[in-house]
Amino acid sequence: MAEKDFAGDIAYNWELWVGREPVAGGGNHVFVQIFGFENLPFPDQVPEDQDVTHMQSPGRTQEATPGLLPAVDFSQEKQFWAEDDGDILLGQLEDLTAAGEKEYVLFEFNLNPAGTSRRRTYRGYVKNYTPTGSVGQKVMANLSIKLLDRQAANARVIAS
């Protein structure tokens, strides 16, 4: 029986960055790191199967093809740090959505900060950002975003 050394890793130092276009427009997005996550999975954007079965389908078997990628809701709880640039930005973006003027930004999930092999960037907007808390406990916030299209190329160059 073949043996293999443990190749797993711990989930540590994963990152979420939000990229916003400069106010003047054009140019590169300005990215701000969002801190305070205790759990940060990649979004699940699985296409629905589309039935393409026809009278001559091989072996009398149903056939399917991947459909369009859905726009997905991503919701995650994080620690709330009122004076942090990331929390301030999320509050501003949530205020725009609440006023009916959502702003599309880039959300970059980075599960390998030392490299670029596990980065995914999506276009989307903040749906809701609500701090919650109870007496004697750390203050948390629920972040809810709508993710649309995944960006084919990474929108941000990370200096090594």
C-alpha atoms as a PDB file:
ATOM      1  CA  MET A   1       0.000   0.000   0.000  1.00  0.00           C
ATOM      2  CA  ALA A   2       1.384   3.391  -0.972  1.00  0.00           C
ATOM      3  CA  GLU A   3       2.020   5.958   1.723  1.00  0.00           C
ATOM      4  CA  LYS A   4       1.971   9.718   1.508  1.00  0.00           C
ATOM      5  CA  ASP A   5       3.143  12.300   3.994  1.00  0.00           C
ATOM      6  CA  PHE A   6       0.504  14.699   5.284  1.00  0.00           C
ATOM      7  CA  ALA A   7       0.081  17.393   2.633  1.00  0.00           C
ATOM      8  CA  GLY A   8      -2.754  19.379   4.204  1.00  0.00           C
ATOM      9  CA  ASP A   9      -2.499  22.873   5.573  1.00  0.00           C
ATOM     10  CA  ILE A  10      -4.278  24.888   8.181  1.00  0.00           C
ATOM     11  CA  ALA A  11      -6.709  27.624   7.196  1.00  0.00           C
ATOM     12  CA  TYR A  12      -4.763  30.664   8.280  1.00  0.00           C
ATOM     13  CA  ASN A  13      -4.061  34.081   6.807  1.00  0.00           C
ATOM     14  CA  TRP A  14      -6.730  33.820   4.121  1.00  0.00           C
ATOM     15  CA  GLU A  15      -7.760  37.214   2.787  1.00  0.00           C
ATOM     16  CA  LEU A  16     -10.648  39.142   1.298  1.00  0.00           C
ATOM     17  CA  TRP A  17      -9.917  42.373  -0.546  1.00  0.00           C
ATOM     18  CA  VAL A  18     -12.441  44.852  -1.967  1.00  0.00           C
ATOM     19  CA  GLY A  19     -11.409  46.843  -5.031  1.00  0.00           C
ATOM     20  CA  ARG A  20     -13.114  50.110  -5.798  1.00  0.00           C
ATOM     21  CA  GLU A  21     -12.668  52.288  -8.877  1.00  0.00           C
ATOM     22  CA  PRO A  22     -11.124  55.684  -8.201  1.00  0.00           C
ATOM     23  CA  VAL A  23     -13.701  58.474  -7.774  1.00  0.00           C
ATOM     24  CA  ALA A  24     -12.469  60.199 -10.929  1.00  0.00           C
ATOM     25  CA  GLY A  25     -13.085  56.972 -12.855  1.00  0.00           C
ATOM     26  CA  GLY A  26     -10.685  55.026 -14.991  1.00  0.00           C
ATOM     27  CA  GLY A  27      -7.398  53.688 -13.761  1.00  0.00           C
ATOM     28  CA  ASN A  28      -6.758  50.733 -11.497  1.00  0.00           C
ATOM     29  CA  HIS A  29      -9.048  49.732  -8.666  1.00  0.00           C
ATOM     30  CA  VAL A  30      -7.932  50.702  -5.165  1.00  0.00           C
ATOM     31  CA  PHE A  31      -8.009  47.576  -2.987  1.00  0.00           C
ATOM     32  CA  VAL A  32      -8.678  47.517   0.762  1.00  0.00           C
ATOM     33  CA  GLN A  33      -8.225  44.369   2.835  1.00  0.00           C
ATOM     34  CA  ILE A  34     -11.193  43.297   4.963  1.00  0.00           C
ATOM     35  CA  PHE A  35     -10.050  41.950   8.341  1.00  0.00           C
ATOM     36  CA  GLY A  36     -11.829  39.975  11.052  1.00  0.00           C
ATOM     37  CA  PHE A  37     -12.997  36.805   9.294  1.00  0.00           C
ATOM     38  CA  GLU A  38     -12.997  33.592  11.282  1.00  0.00           C
ATOM     39  CA  ASN A  39     -14.237  31.561   8.306  1.00  0.00           C
ATOM     40  CA  LEU A  40     -13.663  32.526   4.669  1.00  0.00           C
ATOM     41  CA  PRO A  41     -14.617  29.910   2.062  1.00  0.00           C
ATOM     42  CA  PHE A  42     -14.534  30.491  -1.669  1.00  0.00           C
ATOM     43  CA  PRO A  43     -17.986  31.356  -3.039  1.00  0.00           C
ATOM     44  CA  ASP A  44     -19.938  28.479  -4.541  1.00  0.00           C
ATOM     45  CA  GLN A  45     -20.893  29.436  -8.108  1.00  0.00           C
ATOM     46  CA  VAL A  46     -21.962  26.162  -9.731  1.00  0.00           C
ATOM     47  CA  PRO A  47     -23.846  26.278 -13.045  1.00  0.00           C
ATOM     48  CA  GLU A  48     -27.182  24.503 -13.262  1.00  0.00           C
ATOM     49  CA  ASP A  49     -27.374  21.543 -15.635  1.00  0.00           C
ATOM     50  CA  GLN A  50     -29.383  22.213 -18.773  1.00  0.00           C
ATOM     51  CA  ASP A  51     -31.227  19.233 -20.238  1.00  0.00           C
ATOM     52  CA  VAL A  52     -30.182  18.663 -23.864  1.00  0.00           C
ATOM     53  CA  THR A  53     -31.666  15.182 -24.248  1.00  0.00           C
ATOM     54  CA  HIS A  54     -32.986  14.386 -27.714  1.00  0.00           C
ATOM     55  CA  MET A  55     -34.471  11.425 -29.580  1.00  0.00           C
ATOM     56  CA  GLN A  56     -31.047  10.145 -30.597  1.00  0.00           C
ATOM     57  CA  SER A  57     -29.275  10.586 -27.219  1.00  0.00           C
ATOM     58  CA  PRO A  58     -26.651   7.829 -26.943  1.00  0.00           C
ATOM     59  CA  GLY A  59     -27.698   4.714 -25.050  1.00  0.00           C
ATOM     60  CA  ARG A  60     -31.176   6.108 -24.272  1.00  0.00           C
ATOM     61  CA  THR A  61     -29.498   8.240 -21.621  1.00  0.00           C
ATOM     62  CA  GLN A  62     -30.371  11.765 -20.643  1.00  0.00           C
ATOM     63  CA  GLU A  63     -27.812  14.384 -21.636  1.00  0.00           C
ATOM     64  CA  ALA A  64     -26.939  17.630 -19.907  1.00  0.00           C
ATOM     65  CA  THR A  65     -24.643  20.560 -20.456  1.00  0.00           C
ATOM     66  CA  PRO A  66     -23.565  23.228 -17.977  1.00  0.00           C
ATOM     67  CA  GLY A  67     -25.772  26.313 -18.070  1.00  0.00           C
ATOM     68  CA  LEU A  68     -24.907  29.871 -17.191  1.00  0.00           C
ATOM     69  CA  LEU A  69     -23.086  30.609 -13.964  1.00  0.00           C
ATOM     70  CA  PRO A  70     -25.587  32.007 -11.467  1.00  0.00           C
ATOM     71  CA  ALA A  71     -25.260  35.278  -9.612  1.00  0.00           C
ATOM     72  CA  VAL A  72     -24.768  34.051  -6.056  1.00  0.00           C
ATOM     73  CA  ASP A  73     -25.356  35.388  -2.596  1.00  0.00           C
ATOM     74  CA  PHE A  74     -22.338  35.139  -0.329  1.00  0.00           C
ATOM     75  CA  SER A  75     -22.878  35.779   3.350  1.00  0.00           C
ATOM     76  CA  GLN A  76     -20.291  35.541   6.081  1.00  0.00           C
ATOM     77  CA  GLU A  77     -19.898  36.693   9.647  1.00  0.00           C
ATOM     78  CA  LYS A  78     -16.806  38.660  10.686  1.00  0.00           C
ATOM     79  CA  GLN A  79     -15.535  40.576  13.657  1.00  0.00           C
ATOM     80  CA  PHE A  80     -16.596  44.229  13.549  1.00  0.00           C
ATOM     81  CA  TRP A  81     -13.835  46.802  13.953  1.00  0.00           C
ATOM     82  CA  ALA A  82     -15.572  50.198  13.772  1.00  0.00           C
ATOM     83  CA  GLU A  83     -12.452  52.264  13.007  1.00  0.00           C
ATOM     84  CA  ASP A  84     -10.916  49.885  10.454  1.00  0.00           C
ATOM     85  CA  ASP A  85     -10.718  51.083   6.829  1.00  0.00           C
ATOM     86  CA  GLY A  86     -12.329  47.855   5.597  1.00  0.00           C
ATOM     87  CA  ASP A  87     -15.320  48.110   7.931  1.00  0.00           C
ATOM     88  CA  ILE A  88     -15.781  51.771   7.025  1.00  0.00           C
ATOM     89  CA  LEU A  89     -15.719  50.867   3.314  1.00  0.00           C
ATOM     90  CA  LEU A  90     -18.256  48.048   3.784  1.00  0.00           C
ATOM     91  CA  GLY A  91     -20.546  50.470   5.643  1.00  0.00           C
ATOM     92  CA  GLN A  92     -20.294  53.020   2.822  1.00  0.00           C
ATOM     93  CA  LEU A  93     -21.068  50.398   0.181  1.00  0.00           C
ATOM     94  CA  GLU A  94     -24.027  49.084   2.199  1.00  0.00           C
ATOM     95  CA  ASP A  95     -25.369  52.648   2.560  1.00  0.00           C
ATOM     96  CA  LEU A  96     -25.275  53.055  -1.237  1.00  0.00           C
ATOM     97  CA  THR A  97     -27.213  49.806  -1.723  1.00  0.00           C
ATOM     98  CA  ALA A  98     -29.794  50.839   0.888  1.00  0.00           C
ATOM     99  CA  ALA A  99     -30.273  54.123  -1.012  1.00  0.00           C
ATOM    100  CA  GLY A 100     -30.851  52.210  -4.265  1.00  0.00           C
ATOM    101  CA  GLU A 101     -27.484  53.230  -5.737  1.00  0.00           C
ATOM    102  CA  LYS A 102     -25.406  50.056  -5.430  1.00  0.00           C
ATOM    103  CA  GLU A 103     -21.787  50.320  -6.468  1.00  0.00           C
ATOM    104  CA  TYR A 104     -20.122  47.449  -8.308  1.00  0.00           C
ATOM    105  CA  VAL A 105     -16.755  46.571  -6.817  1.00  0.00           C
ATOM    106  CA  LEU A 106     -14.279  43.705  -7.091  1.00  0.00           C
ATOM    107  CA  PHE A 107     -14.099  41.047  -4.374  1.00  0.00           C
ATOM    108  CA  GLU A 108     -10.796  39.178  -4.311  1.00  0.00           C
ATOM    109  CA  PHE A 109     -10.627  35.982  -2.267  1.00  0.00           C
ATOM    110  CA  ASN A 110      -7.031  34.939  -1.606  1.00  0.00           C
ATOM    111  CA  LEU A 111      -6.412  31.576   0.033  1.00  0.00           C
ATOM    112  CA  ASN A 112      -2.673  31.650  -0.633  1.00  0.00           C
ATOM    113  CA  PRO A 113      -1.294  35.067   0.348  1.00  0.00           C
ATOM    114  CA  ALA A 114       2.277  33.894  -0.327  1.00  0.00           C
ATOM    115  CA  GLY A 115       1.436  33.313  -3.997  1.00  0.00           C
ATOM    116  CA  THR A 116      -1.324  33.715  -6.538  1.00  0.00           C
ATOM    117  CA  SER A 117      -2.405  30.132  -7.192  1.00  0.00           C
ATOM    118  CA  ARG A 118      -5.556  30.354  -5.062  1.00  0.00           C
ATOM    119  CA  ARG A 119      -6.974  33.775  -5.890  1.00  0.00           C
ATOM    120  CA  ARG A 120     -10.407  34.387  -7.310  1.00  0.00           C
ATOM    121  CA  THR A 121     -11.833  37.777  -8.137  1.00  0.00           C
ATOM    122  CA  TYR A 122     -15.526  38.504  -8.699  1.00  0.00           C
ATOM    123  CA  ARG A 123     -17.518  41.602  -9.623  1.00  0.00           C
ATOM    124  CA  GLY A 124     -20.419  42.293  -7.294  1.00  0.00           C
ATOM    125  CA  TYR A 125     -21.903  44.597  -4.700  1.00  0.00           C
ATOM    126  CA  VAL A 126     -22.515  44.740  -0.947  1.00  0.00           C
ATOM    127  CA  LYS A 127     -26.136  43.844  -0.197  1.00  0.00           C
ATOM    128  CA  ASN A 128     -26.019  44.240   3.556  1.00  0.00           C
ATOM    129  CA  TYR A 129     -23.513  44.905   6.308  1.00  0.00           C
ATOM    130  CA  THR A 130     -24.990  44.705   9.792  1.00  0.00           C
ATOM    131  CA  PRO A 131     -23.041  44.794  13.067  1.00  0.00           C
ATOM    132  CA  THR A 132     -24.419  42.625  15.858  1.00  0.00           C
ATOM    133  CA  GLY A 133     -23.336  42.039  19.401  1.00  0.00           C
ATOM    134  CA  SER A 134     -24.239  40.977  22.865  1.00  0.00           C
ATOM    135  CA  VAL A 135     -23.065  42.124  26.278  1.00  0.00           C
ATOM    136  CA  GLY A 136     -19.619  40.825  27.112  1.00  0.00           C
ATOM    137  CA  GLN A 137     -18.969  39.293  23.692  1.00  0.00           C
ATOM    138  CA  LYS A 138     -16.917  40.442  20.713  1.00  0.00           C
ATOM    139  CA  VAL A 139     -18.897  42.555  18.282  1.00  0.00           C
ATOM    140  CA  MET A 140     -19.601  40.721  15.034  1.00  0.00           C
ATOM    141  CA  ALA A 141     -21.045  41.852  11.716  1.00  0.00           C
ATOM    142  CA  ASN A 142     -22.845  39.970   8.981  1.00  0.00           C
ATOM    143  CA  LEU A 143     -21.596  40.750   5.484  1.00  0.00           C
ATOM    144  CA  SER A 144     -23.866  39.813   2.589  1.00  0.00           C
ATOM    145  CA  ILE A 145     -22.708  40.359  -0.972  1.00  0.00           C
ATOM    146  CA  LYS A 146     -24.027  39.515  -4.430  1.00  0.00           C
ATOM    147  CA  LEU A 147     -21.345  38.015  -6.653  1.00  0.00           C
ATOM    148  CA  LEU A 148     -21.785  38.242 -10.394  1.00  0.00           C
ATOM    149  CA  ASP A 149     -19.127  37.356 -12.950  1.00  0.00           C
ATOM    150  CA  ARG A 150     -15.759  35.926 -12.063  1.00  0.00           C
ATOM    151  CA  GLN A 151     -12.974  37.998 -13.520  1.00  0.00           C
ATOM    152  CA  ALA A 152     -10.906  36.004 -16.035  1.00  0.00           C
ATOM    153  CA  ALA A 153      -7.651  37.650 -15.056  1.00  0.00           C
ATOM    154  CA  ASN A 154      -6.638  38.782 -11.619  1.00  0.00           C
ATOM    155  CA  ALA A 155      -7.451  42.473 -11.375  1.00  0.00           C
ATOM    156  CA  ARG A 156      -4.661  43.216  -8.947  1.00  0.00           C
ATOM    157  CA  VAL A 157      -0.960  42.580  -9.221  1.00  0.00           C
ATOM    158  CA  ILE A 158       0.486  41.417  -5.912  1.00  0.00           C
ATOM    159  CA  ALA A 159       4.084  42.463  -5.316  1.00  0.00           C
ATOM    160  CA  SER A 160       6.274  39.580  -4.180  1.00  0.00           C
END
